[in-house]
Amino acid sequence: MKPFFYFLSFLLLLLASDLAGQGCVAIRSTGSCSAMPGGMQSEGGSTTFLANYRYFKSFRHFRGDHEEKERIEQNTEVINWSNSLDLAVAHSWNSRWSSMLNIPLISNVRSSLYEHGGNSSGQDGRHETNSFGLGDIRLTTYYWLVAPQAEKRWTVQTGLGIKFATGDYRVDGFFYKSDGSILQGPVDQSIQLGDGGTGLTAEVNSTYRVNSWLSVYENAYYLFNPREENGVSTRRGGSTSQEQYLDGTATMSVPDQFLGRLGVNGLFGPLSVSVGARLEGIPVYDVFGGSSGFRRPGYVVSVEPGLSYQKGDLALFATLPWALMRNRTQSVPDKNKTERTGTFSQGDAAFADWSMNIGLAFQLNGHPKHIEVEQGTFLPKMN
């Protein structure tokens, strides 16, 4: 059996696990965070095209880990519909080094009451804002610290990249007020196409082969955004209050983002099946630079099943993360307001129940390097 190209179908599932997956907390696509597909680990010169579509609907409001169920009961919930198409080209330079260019295309729709007529205005006060266009492009270089080989159980891959501020972070919309006025201003941070910062990404991806058909995978990803604020108003066309200046919510923050994944996968002929745990979100404090400005920090813990099918140079894959725990943590402006007023303050955020990722990969050229493995296939990680 010469199955090394199955490496592609497994590692491509990581492409389906883009960081911006669960609502107001994970605020946007930054291009799929991903290991270089294993099928690229060859003598060099191979190129693969990849495409991943993601969808989610966020509508469940959490303050901390407490769900505010009354928001749905009262029809005052904020609803975000997010659709994104991540396109990527991956190239292997040699058996150790490879690169990937990710280009996200994004379409968002946001429905709310409070931004328009107000939560007490009834459903006639509910309106939509939207955004459509190019997201933040990312270029990543990967290096195999422990390259895939038939005699080795471990593989370890690192990645360093740069996220460019190509997505529009000043998208405007119209806000319909209860007095009949219509204001134009920046749409909510959660549906902006970019964050306005040039960032750095770091990844560590590893697998451990248990036997000929079962393996354990791990993926850790972090986006460093040194810029503190992007200068875009949070007032949706209105005036900024003194309190917002004091608390630090007058303009939008440029937050870091993180993702961690751990699970198992198995190979059954051309089909691979995975299940794992997934942690993603936005931290309260950035690693570099300040952490002021408006952001909705928090995290989502999900269980994530996945499927992948490979035939020849084509791989198809899908993942369906289901949220088990959602937590909107206290932001720096929340802490500032708590100190200023003497009353505990913590904002809320809307989360999705699940997100859907489906995609494909096609090797354009090159010849995948095959590895003979007794009684089965060496399994890389699947994401």
Protein backbone atom coordinates (compact mmCIF):
# COMPACT_ATOMS: atom_id res chain seq x y z
CA MET A 1 0.00 0.00 0.00
CA LYS A 2 1.40 3.42 -0.97
CA PRO A 3 -0.75 5.87 0.95
CA PHE A 4 1.38 8.93 1.59
CA PHE A 5 -0.98 11.24 -0.27
CA TYR A 6 -3.55 10.46 2.44
CA PHE A 7 -1.39 12.85 4.42
CA LEU A 8 -3.04 15.59 2.38
CA SER A 9 -6.59 14.63 3.27
CA PHE A 10 -5.79 14.41 6.97
CA LEU A 11 -3.90 17.65 7.37
CA LEU A 12 -6.33 19.52 5.16
CA LEU A 13 -8.96 19.09 7.83
CA LEU A 14 -6.95 21.66 9.74
CA LEU A 15 -7.81 24.07 6.97
CA ALA A 16 -11.48 23.56 7.82
CA SER A 17 -10.77 24.77 11.36
CA ASP A 18 -10.41 28.44 10.73
CA LEU A 19 -10.21 30.50 13.88
CA ALA A 20 -13.25 32.70 13.38
CA GLY A 21 -15.89 30.16 14.01
CA GLN A 22 -18.34 30.91 16.81
CA GLY A 23 -19.76 34.43 16.73
CA CYS A 24 -18.97 37.74 18.38
CA VAL A 25 -15.95 36.41 20.23
CA ALA A 26 -14.12 34.90 17.29
CA ILE A 27 -14.52 38.01 15.24
CA ARG A 28 -13.33 37.24 11.74
CA SER A 29 -11.46 35.01 9.34
CA THR A 30 -7.71 35.39 9.18
CA GLY A 31 -7.25 32.70 6.57
CA SER A 32 -7.35 29.10 7.69
CA CYS A 33 -4.89 28.34 10.41
CA SER A 34 -3.31 25.22 9.11
CA ALA A 35 -0.38 22.95 8.82
CA MET A 36 1.14 22.53 5.41
CA PRO A 37 -0.67 19.58 3.85
CA GLY A 38 1.33 16.43 4.33
CA GLY A 39 1.06 15.54 0.66
CA MET A 40 3.39 18.47 0.03
CA GLN A 41 6.12 16.81 2.06
CA SER A 42 8.01 15.49 -0.93
CA GLU A 43 11.20 16.10 -2.84
CA GLY A 44 9.86 19.59 -3.55
CA GLY A 45 8.08 21.40 -6.33
CA SER A 46 4.52 20.23 -5.60
CA THR A 47 1.66 22.75 -5.50
CA THR A 48 -1.86 22.28 -4.15
CA PHE A 49 -4.99 24.43 -4.42
CA LEU A 50 -7.33 24.43 -1.44
CA ALA A 51 -10.80 25.85 -0.79
CA ASN A 52 -12.80 25.81 2.43
CA TYR A 53 -16.31 27.15 3.02
CA ARG A 54 -17.46 27.95 6.54
CA TYR A 55 -20.89 28.92 7.90
CA PHE A 56 -22.25 29.70 11.34
CA LYS A 57 -25.16 31.54 12.94
CA SER A 58 -24.50 33.16 16.32
CA PHE A 59 -27.51 34.10 18.45
CA ARG A 60 -27.10 32.73 22.00
CA HIS A 61 -26.01 35.46 24.41
CA PHE A 62 -23.54 34.74 27.21
CA ARG A 63 -22.22 36.97 29.99
CA GLY A 64 -19.38 35.02 31.49
CA ASP A 65 -20.48 31.39 31.17
CA HIS A 66 -24.11 32.24 31.95
CA GLU A 67 -26.52 32.11 29.02
CA GLU A 68 -29.04 34.93 28.94
CA LYS A 69 -31.93 32.84 27.64
CA GLU A 70 -34.36 35.72 28.05
CA ARG A 71 -32.79 37.43 25.04
CA ILE A 72 -34.28 34.79 22.72
CA GLU A 73 -37.54 34.65 24.69
CA GLN A 74 -37.92 38.42 24.34
CA ASN A 75 -36.72 38.44 20.69
CA THR A 76 -33.95 40.92 21.53
CA GLU A 77 -31.07 38.62 20.54
CA VAL A 78 -28.42 39.74 18.07
CA ILE A 79 -28.05 37.35 15.13
CA ASN A 80 -24.93 37.10 12.98
CA TRP A 81 -24.88 34.97 9.83
CA SER A 82 -21.31 34.40 8.69
CA ASN A 83 -20.23 32.88 5.37
CA SER A 84 -16.59 32.69 4.34
CA LEU A 85 -14.63 31.07 1.56
CA ASP A 86 -10.94 30.55 2.26
CA LEU A 87 -8.81 30.02 -0.82
CA ALA A 88 -5.22 28.86 -0.46
CA VAL A 89 -2.23 27.82 -2.51
CA ALA A 90 0.36 25.59 -0.84
CA HIS A 91 3.84 24.89 -2.24
CA SER A 92 6.51 22.49 -1.04
CA TRP A 93 10.06 23.76 -1.59
CA ASN A 94 11.74 20.56 -0.40
CA SER A 95 11.18 17.76 2.10
CA ARG A 96 11.32 20.17 5.08
CA TRP A 97 10.23 23.64 3.95
CA SER A 98 6.89 24.73 2.53
CA SER A 99 4.67 27.82 2.28
CA MET A 100 0.98 28.62 2.11
CA LEU A 101 -0.92 31.73 1.01
CA ASN A 102 -4.47 32.09 2.44
CA ILE A 103 -7.00 34.49 0.90
CA PRO A 104 -10.37 34.73 2.73
CA LEU A 105 -13.54 36.04 1.08
CA ILE A 106 -16.22 36.96 3.61
CA SER A 107 -19.95 37.73 3.65
CA ASN A 108 -21.62 38.70 6.95
CA VAL A 109 -25.14 39.78 7.90
CA ARG A 110 -26.05 41.12 11.34
CA SER A 111 -29.60 41.56 12.65
CA SER A 112 -30.29 43.48 15.85
CA LEU A 113 -32.64 45.76 17.72
CA TYR A 114 -30.32 47.61 20.09
CA GLU A 115 -28.21 49.14 17.31
CA HIS A 116 -31.29 50.57 15.62
CA GLY A 117 -34.64 51.30 17.26
CA GLY A 118 -33.60 49.81 20.60
CA ASN A 119 -34.52 46.58 22.39
CA SER A 120 -37.86 48.03 23.50
CA SER A 121 -38.93 49.06 19.98
CA GLY A 122 -40.40 45.68 19.01
CA GLN A 123 -39.62 43.73 15.86
CA ASP A 124 -40.34 46.77 13.69
CA GLY A 125 -37.12 48.18 15.14
CA ARG A 126 -35.02 45.22 13.98
CA HIS A 127 -32.76 45.92 11.00
CA GLU A 128 -29.73 44.42 9.31
CA THR A 129 -26.21 45.55 8.53
CA ASN A 130 -23.79 43.60 6.36
CA SER A 131 -20.28 43.34 5.01
CA PHE A 132 -18.80 41.61 1.98
CA GLY A 133 -15.32 41.43 0.55
CA LEU A 134 -11.72 40.40 1.05
CA GLY A 135 -10.53 39.48 4.54
CA ASP A 136 -7.04 39.60 6.03
CA ILE A 137 -4.59 37.65 3.84
CA ARG A 138 -2.03 35.43 5.53
CA LEU A 139 1.32 34.04 4.31
CA THR A 140 2.91 31.22 6.33
CA THR A 141 6.13 29.26 6.08
CA TYR A 142 6.27 25.76 7.56
CA TYR A 143 9.15 23.57 8.68
CA TRP A 144 9.09 19.91 9.69
CA LEU A 145 11.07 19.50 12.93
CA VAL A 146 10.28 15.79 12.76
CA ALA A 147 9.31 14.90 9.21
CA PRO A 148 6.88 12.08 8.38
CA GLN A 149 8.70 8.79 7.95
CA ALA A 150 7.47 5.23 8.06
CA GLU A 151 9.79 4.25 10.90
CA LYS A 152 8.82 7.22 13.11
CA ARG A 153 5.70 7.47 15.23
CA TRP A 154 5.99 11.23 15.77
CA THR A 155 5.71 14.14 13.38
CA VAL A 156 6.21 17.75 14.50
CA GLN A 157 5.71 20.77 12.27
CA THR A 158 6.10 24.48 13.07
CA GLY A 159 4.74 27.47 11.18
CA LEU A 160 5.44 31.20 11.27
CA GLY A 161 3.37 33.66 9.28
CA ILE A 162 2.32 37.22 8.75
CA LYS A 163 -1.27 38.43 8.62
CA PHE A 164 -1.71 41.48 6.42
CA ALA A 165 -4.30 44.18 7.07
CA THR A 166 -6.00 43.67 3.70
CA GLY A 167 -9.55 43.32 5.02
CA ASP A 168 -11.62 46.49 5.28
CA TYR A 169 -11.97 47.31 8.99
CA ARG A 170 -14.05 50.47 8.38
CA VAL A 171 -17.11 49.01 6.66
CA ASP A 172 -20.10 51.34 7.10
CA GLY A 173 -23.78 50.55 7.44
CA PHE A 174 -27.07 52.36 8.06
CA PHE A 175 -28.72 52.44 11.50
CA TYR A 176 -32.43 53.21 11.75
CA LYS A 177 -33.33 55.02 14.95
CA SER A 178 -36.70 55.14 16.73
CA ASP A 179 -37.08 58.87 16.03
CA GLY A 180 -37.03 58.18 12.30
CA SER A 181 -33.45 59.29 11.71
CA ILE A 182 -30.97 57.18 9.77
CA LEU A 183 -27.30 57.29 10.78
CA GLN A 184 -24.35 56.00 8.81
CA GLY A 185 -21.39 54.59 10.64
CA PRO A 186 -19.04 51.60 11.08
CA VAL A 187 -20.78 48.25 11.48
CA ASP A 188 -20.16 46.12 14.55
CA GLN A 189 -16.69 44.73 15.14
CA SER A 190 -17.97 41.17 14.75
CA ILE A 191 -18.80 41.63 11.05
CA GLN A 192 -15.92 43.87 9.99
CA LEU A 193 -13.85 42.19 7.27
CA GLY A 194 -10.50 42.91 8.92
CA ASP A 195 -9.10 44.12 12.22
CA GLY A 196 -6.78 46.83 10.89
CA GLY A 197 -3.59 45.30 12.26
CA THR A 198 -0.58 43.56 10.78
CA GLY A 199 -0.08 40.45 12.87
CA LEU A 200 2.24 37.50 13.30
CA THR A 201 1.09 33.89 13.55
CA ALA A 202 2.77 30.91 15.18
CA GLU A 203 1.75 27.25 14.92
CA VAL A 204 2.85 23.89 16.26
CA ASN A 205 1.26 20.82 14.69
CA SER A 206 2.09 17.27 15.73
CA THR A 207 0.85 13.69 15.48
CA TYR A 208 1.54 10.44 17.21
CA ARG A 209 0.86 7.15 15.43
CA VAL A 210 -0.68 4.64 17.81
CA ASN A 211 -0.91 1.83 15.27
CA SER A 212 -1.44 1.31 11.56
CA TRP A 213 -4.90 2.93 11.50
CA LEU A 214 -5.15 5.17 14.60
CA SER A 215 -3.28 8.35 15.52
CA VAL A 216 -3.45 11.31 17.91
CA TYR A 217 -3.24 14.88 16.60
CA GLU A 218 -2.49 18.25 18.18
CA ASN A 219 -2.61 21.79 16.83
CA ALA A 220 -1.76 25.03 18.61
CA TYR A 221 -2.16 28.41 16.87
CA TYR A 222 -1.77 32.01 18.04
CA LEU A 223 -2.23 35.31 16.25
CA PHE A 224 -0.19 38.18 17.73
CA ASN A 225 -1.69 41.60 16.97
CA PRO A 226 0.66 44.29 18.38
CA ARG A 227 -1.55 47.21 17.34
CA GLU A 228 -3.76 48.26 20.26
CA GLU A 229 -6.65 50.12 18.57
CA ASN A 230 -7.53 50.78 14.93
CA GLY A 231 -9.25 54.15 15.41
CA VAL A 232 -12.67 53.01 14.14
CA SER A 233 -15.60 54.35 16.16
CA THR A 234 -17.90 51.97 18.00
CA ARG A 235 -20.78 54.47 18.00
CA ARG A 236 -22.47 53.40 14.74
CA GLY A 237 -22.75 56.96 13.50
CA GLY A 238 -23.65 58.45 16.90
CA SER A 239 -21.72 60.60 19.35
CA THR A 240 -19.14 59.17 21.73
CA SER A 241 -19.90 59.68 25.41
CA GLN A 242 -17.44 60.76 28.10
CA GLU A 243 -17.89 57.39 29.80
CA GLN A 244 -16.76 55.57 26.68
CA TYR A 245 -13.58 57.62 26.56
CA LEU A 246 -12.94 56.93 30.24
CA ASP A 247 -13.55 53.19 29.95
CA GLY A 248 -11.71 52.80 26.64
CA THR A 249 -14.56 51.68 24.37
CA ALA A 250 -14.69 54.66 22.01
CA THR A 251 -12.79 52.80 19.26
CA MET A 252 -12.25 49.18 18.28
CA SER A 253 -9.46 47.04 19.67
CA VAL A 254 -7.12 44.92 17.53
CA PRO A 255 -7.07 41.69 19.57
CA ASP A 256 -4.95 38.57 19.54
CA GLN A 257 -6.64 35.25 18.72
CA PHE A 258 -5.91 31.66 19.68
CA LEU A 259 -6.82 28.08 18.80
CA GLY A 260 -5.97 24.75 20.38
CA ARG A 261 -7.05 21.28 19.21
CA LEU A 262 -6.47 17.73 20.43
CA GLY A 263 -8.04 14.52 19.21
CA VAL A 264 -7.78 11.18 17.46
CA ASN A 265 -8.27 10.07 13.88
CA GLY A 266 -8.55 6.79 12.09
CA LEU A 267 -8.12 5.65 8.52
CA PHE A 268 -10.53 3.25 6.83
CA GLY A 269 -9.43 2.85 3.22
CA PRO A 270 -9.90 6.21 1.47
CA LEU A 271 -12.02 7.54 4.36
CA SER A 272 -10.63 9.11 7.51
CA VAL A 273 -12.69 9.86 10.62
CA SER A 274 -11.72 12.14 13.50
CA VAL A 275 -13.09 13.41 16.78
CA GLY A 276 -11.47 15.88 19.11
CA ALA A 277 -11.71 18.83 21.47
CA ARG A 278 -11.35 22.40 20.23
CA LEU A 279 -10.61 25.61 22.16
CA GLU A 280 -10.72 28.99 20.40
CA GLY A 281 -11.25 32.61 21.23
CA ILE A 282 -9.88 36.06 22.01
CA PRO A 283 -7.79 36.79 25.13
CA VAL A 284 -8.43 39.65 27.53
CA TYR A 285 -4.82 40.80 27.23
CA ASP A 286 -2.62 40.75 24.13
CA VAL A 287 0.89 39.33 24.36
CA PHE A 288 2.43 42.43 22.75
CA GLY A 289 1.07 45.96 22.84
CA GLY A 290 -1.85 47.31 24.84
CA SER A 291 -5.27 45.73 25.26
CA SER A 292 -7.54 48.77 25.37
CA GLY A 293 -10.33 49.52 22.94
CA PHE A 294 -13.61 47.67 22.50
CA ARG A 295 -13.34 43.90 22.19
CA ARG A 296 -15.41 40.91 23.25
CA PRO A 297 -12.88 38.54 24.80
CA GLY A 298 -13.88 34.99 25.57
CA TYR A 299 -13.60 31.43 24.42
CA VAL A 300 -15.50 28.45 23.08
CA VAL A 301 -14.87 24.79 23.91
CA SER A 302 -16.27 22.42 21.29
CA VAL A 303 -16.35 18.78 20.35
CA GLU A 304 -15.29 18.46 16.73
CA PRO A 305 -16.06 15.47 14.52
CA GLY A 306 -14.56 15.36 11.05
CA LEU A 307 -14.51 13.34 7.83
CA SER A 308 -12.09 13.26 4.93
CA TYR A 309 -12.14 11.33 1.65
CA GLN A 310 -9.25 11.12 -0.78
CA LYS A 311 -9.08 9.75 -4.30
CA GLY A 312 -6.08 10.38 -6.48
CA ASP A 313 -5.04 14.02 -6.34
CA LEU A 314 -8.38 15.18 -4.90
CA ALA A 315 -9.28 15.34 -1.22
CA LEU A 316 -12.68 16.29 0.25
CA PHE A 317 -13.12 17.15 3.91
CA ALA A 318 -15.66 18.38 6.44
CA THR A 319 -15.77 19.26 10.14
CA LEU A 320 -18.69 20.20 12.40
CA PRO A 321 -17.62 21.74 15.74
CA TRP A 322 -20.41 21.72 18.38
CA ALA A 323 -20.07 24.14 21.29
CA LEU A 324 -19.98 22.59 24.76
CA MET A 325 -18.91 25.65 26.75
CA ARG A 326 -19.07 29.36 25.92
CA ASN A 327 -17.66 32.16 28.06
CA ARG A 328 -17.58 35.91 27.44
CA THR A 329 -14.83 37.06 29.80
CA GLN A 330 -14.39 40.50 31.37
CA SER A 331 -12.55 42.88 29.03
CA VAL A 332 -10.11 45.64 29.96
CA PRO A 333 -12.81 48.32 29.41
CA ASP A 334 -15.14 46.22 31.62
CA LYS A 335 -12.47 46.28 34.32
CA ASN A 336 -12.00 50.03 33.87
CA LYS A 337 -15.73 50.63 34.28
CA THR A 338 -15.85 48.38 37.34
CA GLU A 339 -13.07 50.40 38.96
CA ARG A 340 -14.56 53.74 37.92
CA THR A 341 -18.10 53.05 39.13
CA GLY A 342 -17.51 50.59 41.95
CA THR A 343 -20.06 48.23 40.35
CA PHE A 344 -19.02 45.02 38.62
CA SER A 345 -19.35 45.31 34.84
CA GLN A 346 -19.10 42.61 32.19
CA GLY A 347 -20.41 42.77 28.65
CA ASP A 348 -22.11 39.97 26.75
CA ALA A 349 -21.48 38.27 23.41
CA ALA A 350 -23.49 36.12 21.02
CA PHE A 351 -22.24 32.62 20.21
CA ALA A 352 -23.20 29.91 17.73
CA ASP A 353 -24.28 26.38 18.63
CA TRP A 354 -22.20 24.92 15.81
CA SER A 355 -20.22 25.81 12.71
CA MET A 356 -19.94 23.95 9.42
CA ASN A 357 -16.74 23.58 7.40
CA ILE A 358 -16.55 21.83 4.04
CA GLY A 359 -13.74 21.95 1.52
CA LEU A 360 -11.52 20.36 -1.04
CA ALA A 361 -7.90 20.22 -2.06
CA PHE A 362 -6.41 19.37 -5.43
CA GLN A 363 -2.76 18.73 -6.16
CA LEU A 364 -1.85 20.77 -9.23
CA ASN A 365 1.59 19.33 -9.91
CA GLY A 366 4.40 17.34 -8.37
CA HIS A 367 4.56 13.73 -7.39
CA PRO A 368 3.71 12.86 -3.79
CA LYS A 369 6.36 10.85 -2.04
CA HIS A 370 4.94 7.47 -0.99
CA ILE A 371 5.90 5.60 2.15
CA GLU A 372 5.45 1.88 2.57
CA VAL A 373 3.91 1.08 5.94
CA GLU A 374 3.32 -2.51 6.96
CA GLN A 375 -0.37 -3.42 7.28
CA GLY A 376 -1.64 0.09 6.87
CA THR A 377 -0.99 3.79 6.56
CA PHE A 378 1.07 6.18 8.59
CA LEU A 379 -1.48 8.64 10.00
CA PRO A 380 -0.72 12.32 10.36
CA LYS A 381 -2.87 14.61 12.42
CA MET A 382 -6.26 15.60 11.16
CA ASN A 383 -7.82 18.95 11.90
